[in-house]
C-alpha cells in the first residue's frame, strides 16, 4: 500500500511541474533527450551503458517506467527487438506503440548504412533494416536531435521554441567539432573492430575498417578466424578497438600477434551523461583511431 501511494505521489509531482516522462532505451539517447528537452523532461534509461543493448531481458522496472511514460525514444532498426516488445506488452501503454505519437525511433530519422534486406539469422546478428549503431556519428545524432525536438514540441506545444533551440545548439557544436575530428584522424591506417558498432564514425572520418574480431555479427570469434585475421593484417599498421561489454581475449590475441594496441572504449555516455560527456566520448574514439598514424 505504501509503495503504491508513493508511486501515485511521484506521478502526481511529475504532472504538477509539467515535465514529460520520457523513457530512452540507451544512455546515448537519454543524453540526447536531456539535451533537447532540458528541464521540461524527466528521463529514464532502460539499457545500462555497460551492457550490450542487443541482449537484455524485459524487467519489471522497465515495464513500470514504460507504463508511466509520455514518450518512448528507441533506437529502432531491430536493435531492441529481443526485449523491448515484451516490455511494451507488459506496460500496456498504448500511446507508446509504434505509429503513435508517444513512440519515437532514432533510426527512422536518418539514412542507415549496411542495409541488406536479408533476414537469415544463420549469418549472425543481421540487421536487414541497416546498422542501428548510429550513436557514434555526431552528425546523425544532431539530425535525430532536431527530429526529437519536433516530437517534443508536438507533445508540449508551448515550449516548442525551447526544444528547437536546444537541438540547434547541439547541432552547432557538432558542426564545429567534426572538421577538427576529421583533421585529427586524417591518414589513420585503419582499425579492427570487435562488432560493427563504430562503422558510422569511421565512415564519417574516412578511416577504413580492416576487419572484425567477430567472424559474423554477434558470433564469438573462433581460433581459425583470429588466425586468418593475423595472416591478412601481418605487416600492416592499425588499432583494435572494442567496447566495455565485449570480451578482451580476441582483441588481446590479435594485438599480441600483430604488435598493435588493443583499446577498450565505451560507446555510451554514463546514464546521466550530458552533451559534454558525449563529445568527450567521441574525442576518445577519435584519439584511439588516430593513435597509429
Protein backbone atom coordinates (compact mmCIF):
# COMPACT_ATOMS: atom_id res chain seq x y z
CA UNK A 1 0.00 0.00 0.00
CA UNK A 2 2.81 2.43 0.90
CA UNK A 3 4.64 1.62 -2.35
CA UNK A 4 1.51 2.25 -4.40
CA UNK A 5 0.89 5.56 -2.59
CA UNK A 6 4.50 6.67 -3.19
CA UNK A 7 4.20 5.86 -6.89
CA UNK A 8 0.99 7.90 -7.13
CA UNK A 9 2.66 10.86 -5.41
CA UNK A 10 5.65 10.72 -7.75
CA UNK A 11 3.43 10.61 -10.82
CA UNK A 12 1.38 13.50 -9.46
CA UNK A 13 4.54 15.52 -8.81
CA UNK A 14 5.66 14.98 -12.39
CA UNK A 15 2.30 16.11 -13.70
CA UNK A 16 2.30 19.15 -11.46
CA UNK A 17 5.59 20.56 -12.79
CA UNK A 18 4.58 19.76 -16.36
CA UNK A 19 7.65 17.68 -17.16
CA UNK A 20 7.28 14.96 -19.78
CA UNK A 21 8.16 11.46 -18.62
CA UNK A 22 10.48 10.12 -21.32
CA UNK A 23 11.94 6.61 -21.49
CA UNK A 24 15.08 6.16 -23.61
CA UNK A 25 16.31 2.70 -24.45
CA UNK A 26 20.04 3.62 -24.30
CA UNK A 27 22.08 6.15 -22.34
CA UNK A 28 23.22 7.97 -25.51
CA UNK A 29 19.59 8.54 -26.42
CA UNK A 30 18.94 9.55 -22.83
CA UNK A 31 21.69 12.16 -23.22
CA UNK A 32 20.04 13.48 -26.37
CA UNK A 33 16.61 13.68 -24.72
CA UNK A 34 18.02 15.63 -21.77
CA UNK A 35 19.99 17.91 -24.10
CA UNK A 36 16.96 18.74 -26.26
CA UNK A 37 14.32 18.61 -23.53
CA UNK A 38 16.21 20.39 -20.77
CA UNK A 39 14.19 20.81 -17.59
CA UNK A 40 10.99 20.01 -19.47
CA UNK A 41 11.75 16.26 -19.42
CA UNK A 42 12.30 13.57 -16.82
CA UNK A 43 14.35 10.77 -18.39
CA UNK A 44 14.61 7.08 -17.54
CA UNK A 45 17.17 4.90 -19.38
CA UNK A 46 16.40 1.21 -19.84
CA UNK A 47 19.72 -0.28 -21.02
CA UNK A 48 22.70 0.24 -18.67
CA UNK A 49 25.66 1.83 -20.53
CA UNK A 50 27.91 -1.13 -19.72
CA UNK A 51 25.52 -3.72 -21.21
CA UNK A 52 25.10 -4.75 -24.83
CA UNK A 53 21.66 -3.37 -25.83
CA UNK A 54 21.17 -6.30 -28.20
CA UNK A 55 20.94 -8.77 -25.35
CA UNK A 56 18.77 -7.66 -22.45
CA UNK A 57 15.73 -9.11 -20.73
CA UNK A 58 12.47 -7.26 -20.16
CA UNK A 59 12.43 -6.45 -16.43
CA UNK A 60 9.67 -5.23 -14.10
CA UNK A 61 11.49 -1.90 -13.69
CA UNK A 62 11.37 -1.40 -17.47
CA UNK A 63 7.66 -2.18 -17.54
CA UNK A 64 6.90 0.28 -14.73
CA UNK A 65 8.90 3.04 -16.45
CA UNK A 66 7.10 2.45 -19.75
CA UNK A 67 3.71 2.31 -18.08
CA UNK A 68 4.19 5.84 -16.72
CA UNK A 69 5.87 7.34 -19.79
CA UNK A 70 4.61 10.03 -22.15
CA UNK A 71 7.25 9.25 -24.78
CA UNK A 72 9.50 6.31 -25.66
CA UNK A 73 12.70 7.13 -27.53
CA UNK A 74 14.10 3.94 -29.06
CA UNK A 75 16.99 3.22 -31.39
CA UNK A 76 14.96 1.03 -33.72
CA UNK A 77 16.25 -0.92 -36.74
CA UNK A 78 15.65 -4.03 -34.59
CA UNK A 79 18.39 -3.23 -32.05
CA UNK A 80 15.98 -3.77 -29.15
CA UNK A 81 13.87 -6.44 -30.85
CA UNK A 82 14.80 -9.11 -28.30
CA UNK A 83 13.35 -7.32 -25.27
CA UNK A 84 11.52 -4.04 -25.95
CA UNK A 85 8.34 -5.56 -27.48
CA UNK A 86 7.91 -7.76 -24.40
CA UNK A 87 8.41 -4.78 -22.08
CA UNK A 88 5.89 -2.72 -24.05
CA UNK A 89 3.36 -5.54 -23.91
CA UNK A 90 3.74 -5.72 -20.15
CA UNK A 91 3.40 -1.94 -19.78
CA UNK A 92 0.04 -1.77 -21.63
CA UNK A 93 0.66 1.87 -22.56
CA UNK A 94 -0.96 2.17 -25.99
CA UNK A 95 0.42 5.64 -26.73
CA UNK A 96 3.99 4.23 -26.79
CA UNK A 97 3.32 1.69 -29.53
CA UNK A 98 4.95 2.15 -32.96
CA UNK A 99 2.93 4.55 -35.08
CA UNK A 100 1.66 6.50 -32.07
CA UNK A 101 2.80 9.99 -31.02
CA UNK A 102 4.44 8.55 -27.90
CA UNK A 103 6.85 6.37 -29.92
CA UNK A 104 9.98 7.93 -31.45
CA UNK A 105 12.55 5.87 -33.33
CA UNK A 106 16.00 7.37 -33.88
CA UNK A 107 16.93 5.07 -36.76
CA UNK A 108 13.89 6.24 -38.73
CA UNK A 109 15.17 9.83 -38.73
CA UNK A 110 18.45 9.29 -40.62
CA UNK A 111 19.83 7.23 -43.52
CA UNK A 112 21.23 3.90 -42.30
CA UNK A 113 24.24 2.09 -43.74
CA UNK A 114 24.60 -1.64 -44.44
CA UNK A 115 21.00 -2.35 -45.38
CA UNK A 116 20.84 -5.94 -46.56
CA UNK A 117 17.20 -6.95 -46.68
CA UNK A 118 18.46 -10.37 -45.52
CA UNK A 119 16.72 -11.90 -42.51
CA UNK A 120 18.81 -15.10 -42.45
CA UNK A 121 19.87 -15.25 -38.78
CA UNK A 122 22.36 -18.03 -39.57
CA UNK A 123 24.58 -15.22 -40.86
CA UNK A 124 24.81 -13.75 -37.37
CA UNK A 125 23.04 -10.87 -35.67
CA UNK A 126 22.00 -9.37 -39.01
CA UNK A 127 20.05 -6.10 -39.16
CA UNK A 128 18.26 -6.14 -42.53
CA UNK A 129 16.96 -2.61 -41.98
CA UNK A 130 20.51 -1.29 -41.60
CA UNK A 131 23.18 -0.83 -38.97
CA UNK A 132 21.48 0.57 -35.84
CA UNK A 133 24.68 1.72 -34.11
CA UNK A 134 24.37 5.36 -35.10
CA UNK A 135 25.33 6.80 -31.67
CA UNK A 136 28.98 7.36 -32.58
CA UNK A 137 28.09 9.53 -35.57
CA UNK A 138 27.63 13.05 -34.16
CA UNK A 139 26.10 14.34 -37.39
CA UNK A 140 23.38 11.70 -37.38
CA UNK A 141 22.80 12.33 -33.68
CA UNK A 142 22.32 16.03 -34.46
CA UNK A 143 19.73 15.12 -37.10
CA UNK A 144 17.96 12.85 -34.61
CA UNK A 145 18.03 15.70 -32.09
CA UNK A 146 16.26 18.05 -34.50
CA UNK A 147 13.57 15.44 -35.19
CA UNK A 148 13.21 14.79 -31.47
CA UNK A 149 12.66 18.50 -30.87
CA UNK A 150 9.73 18.33 -33.26
CA UNK A 151 8.22 15.39 -31.43
CA UNK A 152 8.62 17.01 -28.01
CA UNK A 153 7.01 20.14 -29.42
CA UNK A 154 4.08 18.03 -30.63
CA UNK A 155 3.57 16.72 -27.09
CA UNK A 156 4.29 20.05 -25.39
CA UNK A 157 3.50 22.89 -27.87
CA UNK A 158 4.06 25.86 -25.53
CA UNK A 159 7.79 25.00 -25.30
CA UNK A 160 8.47 24.30 -28.97
CA UNK A 161 10.95 27.19 -29.28
CA UNK A 162 12.98 25.87 -26.36
CA UNK A 163 13.21 22.35 -27.77
CA UNK A 164 14.22 23.55 -31.21
CA UNK A 165 16.80 25.99 -29.81
CA UNK A 166 18.37 23.25 -27.69
CA UNK A 167 18.58 20.91 -30.68
CA UNK A 168 20.21 23.62 -32.78
CA UNK A 169 22.75 24.33 -30.02
CA UNK A 170 23.75 20.66 -30.01
CA UNK A 171 23.99 20.62 -33.82
CA UNK A 172 26.13 23.77 -33.79
CA UNK A 173 28.72 22.15 -31.52
CA UNK A 174 28.74 19.08 -33.77
CA UNK A 175 29.33 21.26 -36.85
CA UNK A 176 32.24 22.96 -35.08
CA UNK A 177 33.93 19.79 -33.90
CA UNK A 178 33.54 17.38 -36.82
CA UNK A 179 36.11 19.15 -39.06
CA UNK A 180 38.65 19.03 -36.22
CA UNK A 181 37.99 15.33 -35.63
CA UNK A 182 38.38 14.64 -39.35
CA UNK A 183 41.67 16.51 -39.41
CA UNK A 184 42.91 14.59 -36.38
CA UNK A 185 42.05 11.23 -37.96
CA UNK A 186 43.29 12.04 -41.46
CA UNK A 187 45.82 9.44 -42.59
CA UNK A 188 44.93 6.87 -39.93
CA UNK A 189 45.67 3.43 -41.47
CA UNK A 190 42.50 1.79 -40.15
CA UNK A 191 41.13 -0.26 -37.29
CA UNK A 192 39.84 -3.70 -36.46
CA UNK A 193 36.53 -3.55 -34.61
CA UNK A 194 35.00 -6.25 -32.47
CA UNK A 195 31.47 -5.58 -33.77
CA UNK A 196 30.01 -3.19 -36.34
CA UNK A 197 29.38 -0.58 -33.66
CA UNK A 198 31.78 2.18 -34.80
CA UNK A 199 31.20 1.93 -38.55
CA UNK A 200 29.32 5.22 -38.73
CA UNK A 201 32.14 7.11 -37.03
CA UNK A 202 34.79 5.54 -39.23
CA UNK A 203 32.76 6.40 -42.32
CA UNK A 204 32.43 9.99 -41.11
CA UNK A 205 36.20 10.22 -40.54
CA UNK A 206 37.15 8.44 -43.76
CA UNK A 207 39.09 5.73 -41.92
CA UNK A 208 38.86 2.12 -43.17
CA UNK A 209 37.63 -0.89 -41.21
CA UNK A 210 40.32 -3.55 -41.63
CA UNK A 211 38.33 -6.41 -40.15
CA UNK A 212 36.19 -7.61 -37.26
CA UNK A 213 37.02 -9.79 -34.27
CA UNK A 214 33.63 -11.46 -34.76
CA UNK A 215 33.51 -13.75 -37.81
CA UNK A 216 29.83 -12.76 -38.15
CA UNK A 217 27.91 -10.11 -36.18
CA UNK A 218 27.05 -11.48 -32.75
CA UNK A 219 29.09 -14.68 -33.23
CA UNK A 220 32.09 -15.19 -30.88
CA UNK A 221 35.48 -15.35 -32.61
CA UNK A 222 36.98 -18.74 -33.42
CA UNK A 223 40.68 -19.59 -33.34
CA UNK A 224 40.63 -20.06 -37.11
CA UNK A 225 39.06 -16.65 -37.71
CA UNK A 226 41.60 -14.90 -35.49
CA UNK A 227 44.47 -16.73 -37.21
CA UNK A 228 43.09 -15.67 -40.59
CA UNK A 229 42.97 -12.04 -39.42
CA UNK A 230 46.59 -12.22 -38.26
CA UNK A 231 47.63 -13.55 -41.65
CA UNK A 232 45.67 -10.87 -43.52
CA UNK A 233 46.96 -7.97 -41.42
CA UNK A 234 50.54 -9.02 -40.75
CA UNK A 235 52.95 -6.22 -41.60
CA UNK A 236 50.25 -3.56 -41.62
CA UNK A 237 49.53 -0.81 -39.09
CA UNK A 238 46.31 -0.21 -37.20
CA UNK A 239 44.48 -0.49 -33.90
CA UNK A 240 42.00 -2.94 -32.41
CA UNK A 241 39.02 -1.25 -30.76
CA UNK A 242 36.46 -2.97 -28.57
CA UNK A 243 33.87 -1.87 -26.06
CA UNK A 244 33.19 -2.26 -22.35
CA UNK A 245 30.90 -5.26 -22.74
CA UNK A 246 32.96 -7.18 -25.33
CA UNK A 247 35.43 -9.90 -24.24
CA UNK A 248 39.11 -8.90 -24.32
CA UNK A 249 40.61 -12.27 -25.28
CA UNK A 250 40.22 -11.93 -29.05
CA UNK A 251 41.45 -8.31 -29.26
CA UNK A 252 44.40 -9.06 -26.97
CA UNK A 253 45.36 -12.13 -29.03
CA UNK A 254 45.38 -10.05 -32.21
CA UNK A 255 47.32 -7.25 -30.52
CA UNK A 256 50.00 -9.65 -29.35
CA UNK A 257 50.40 -11.27 -32.78
CA UNK A 258 50.31 -8.04 -34.80
CA UNK A 259 52.14 -5.72 -32.42
CA UNK A 260 49.15 -3.39 -32.36
CA UNK A 261 47.33 -1.80 -29.45
CA UNK A 262 44.01 -3.19 -28.25
CA UNK A 263 41.99 -0.29 -26.85
CA UNK A 264 38.80 -0.67 -24.84
CA UNK A 265 36.34 2.20 -25.23
CA UNK A 266 32.79 2.98 -24.21
CA UNK A 267 30.19 3.53 -26.94
CA UNK A 268 27.82 5.12 -24.43
CA UNK A 269 27.89 8.06 -22.05
CA UNK A 270 27.06 7.42 -18.42
CA UNK A 271 23.40 7.01 -17.53
CA UNK A 272 23.22 10.71 -16.53
CA UNK A 273 25.80 11.90 -19.07
CA UNK A 274 25.27 15.25 -20.80
CA UNK A 275 26.29 16.60 -24.21
CA UNK A 276 29.78 17.44 -22.96
CA UNK A 277 30.25 13.83 -21.87
CA UNK A 278 29.09 12.69 -25.30
CA UNK A 279 31.55 14.94 -27.14
CA UNK A 280 34.34 13.82 -24.81
CA UNK A 281 33.49 10.19 -25.60
CA UNK A 282 33.67 10.85 -29.36
CA UNK A 283 37.01 12.57 -28.77
CA UNK A 284 38.38 9.45 -27.07
CA UNK A 285 37.33 7.30 -30.03
CA UNK A 286 38.94 9.71 -32.49
CA UNK A 287 42.14 9.75 -30.43
CA UNK A 288 42.25 5.94 -30.40
CA UNK A 289 41.55 5.72 -34.14
CA UNK A 290 44.35 8.19 -34.81
CA UNK A 291 46.94 6.72 -32.46
CA UNK A 292 48.70 4.50 -35.03
CA UNK A 293 49.38 7.32 -37.52
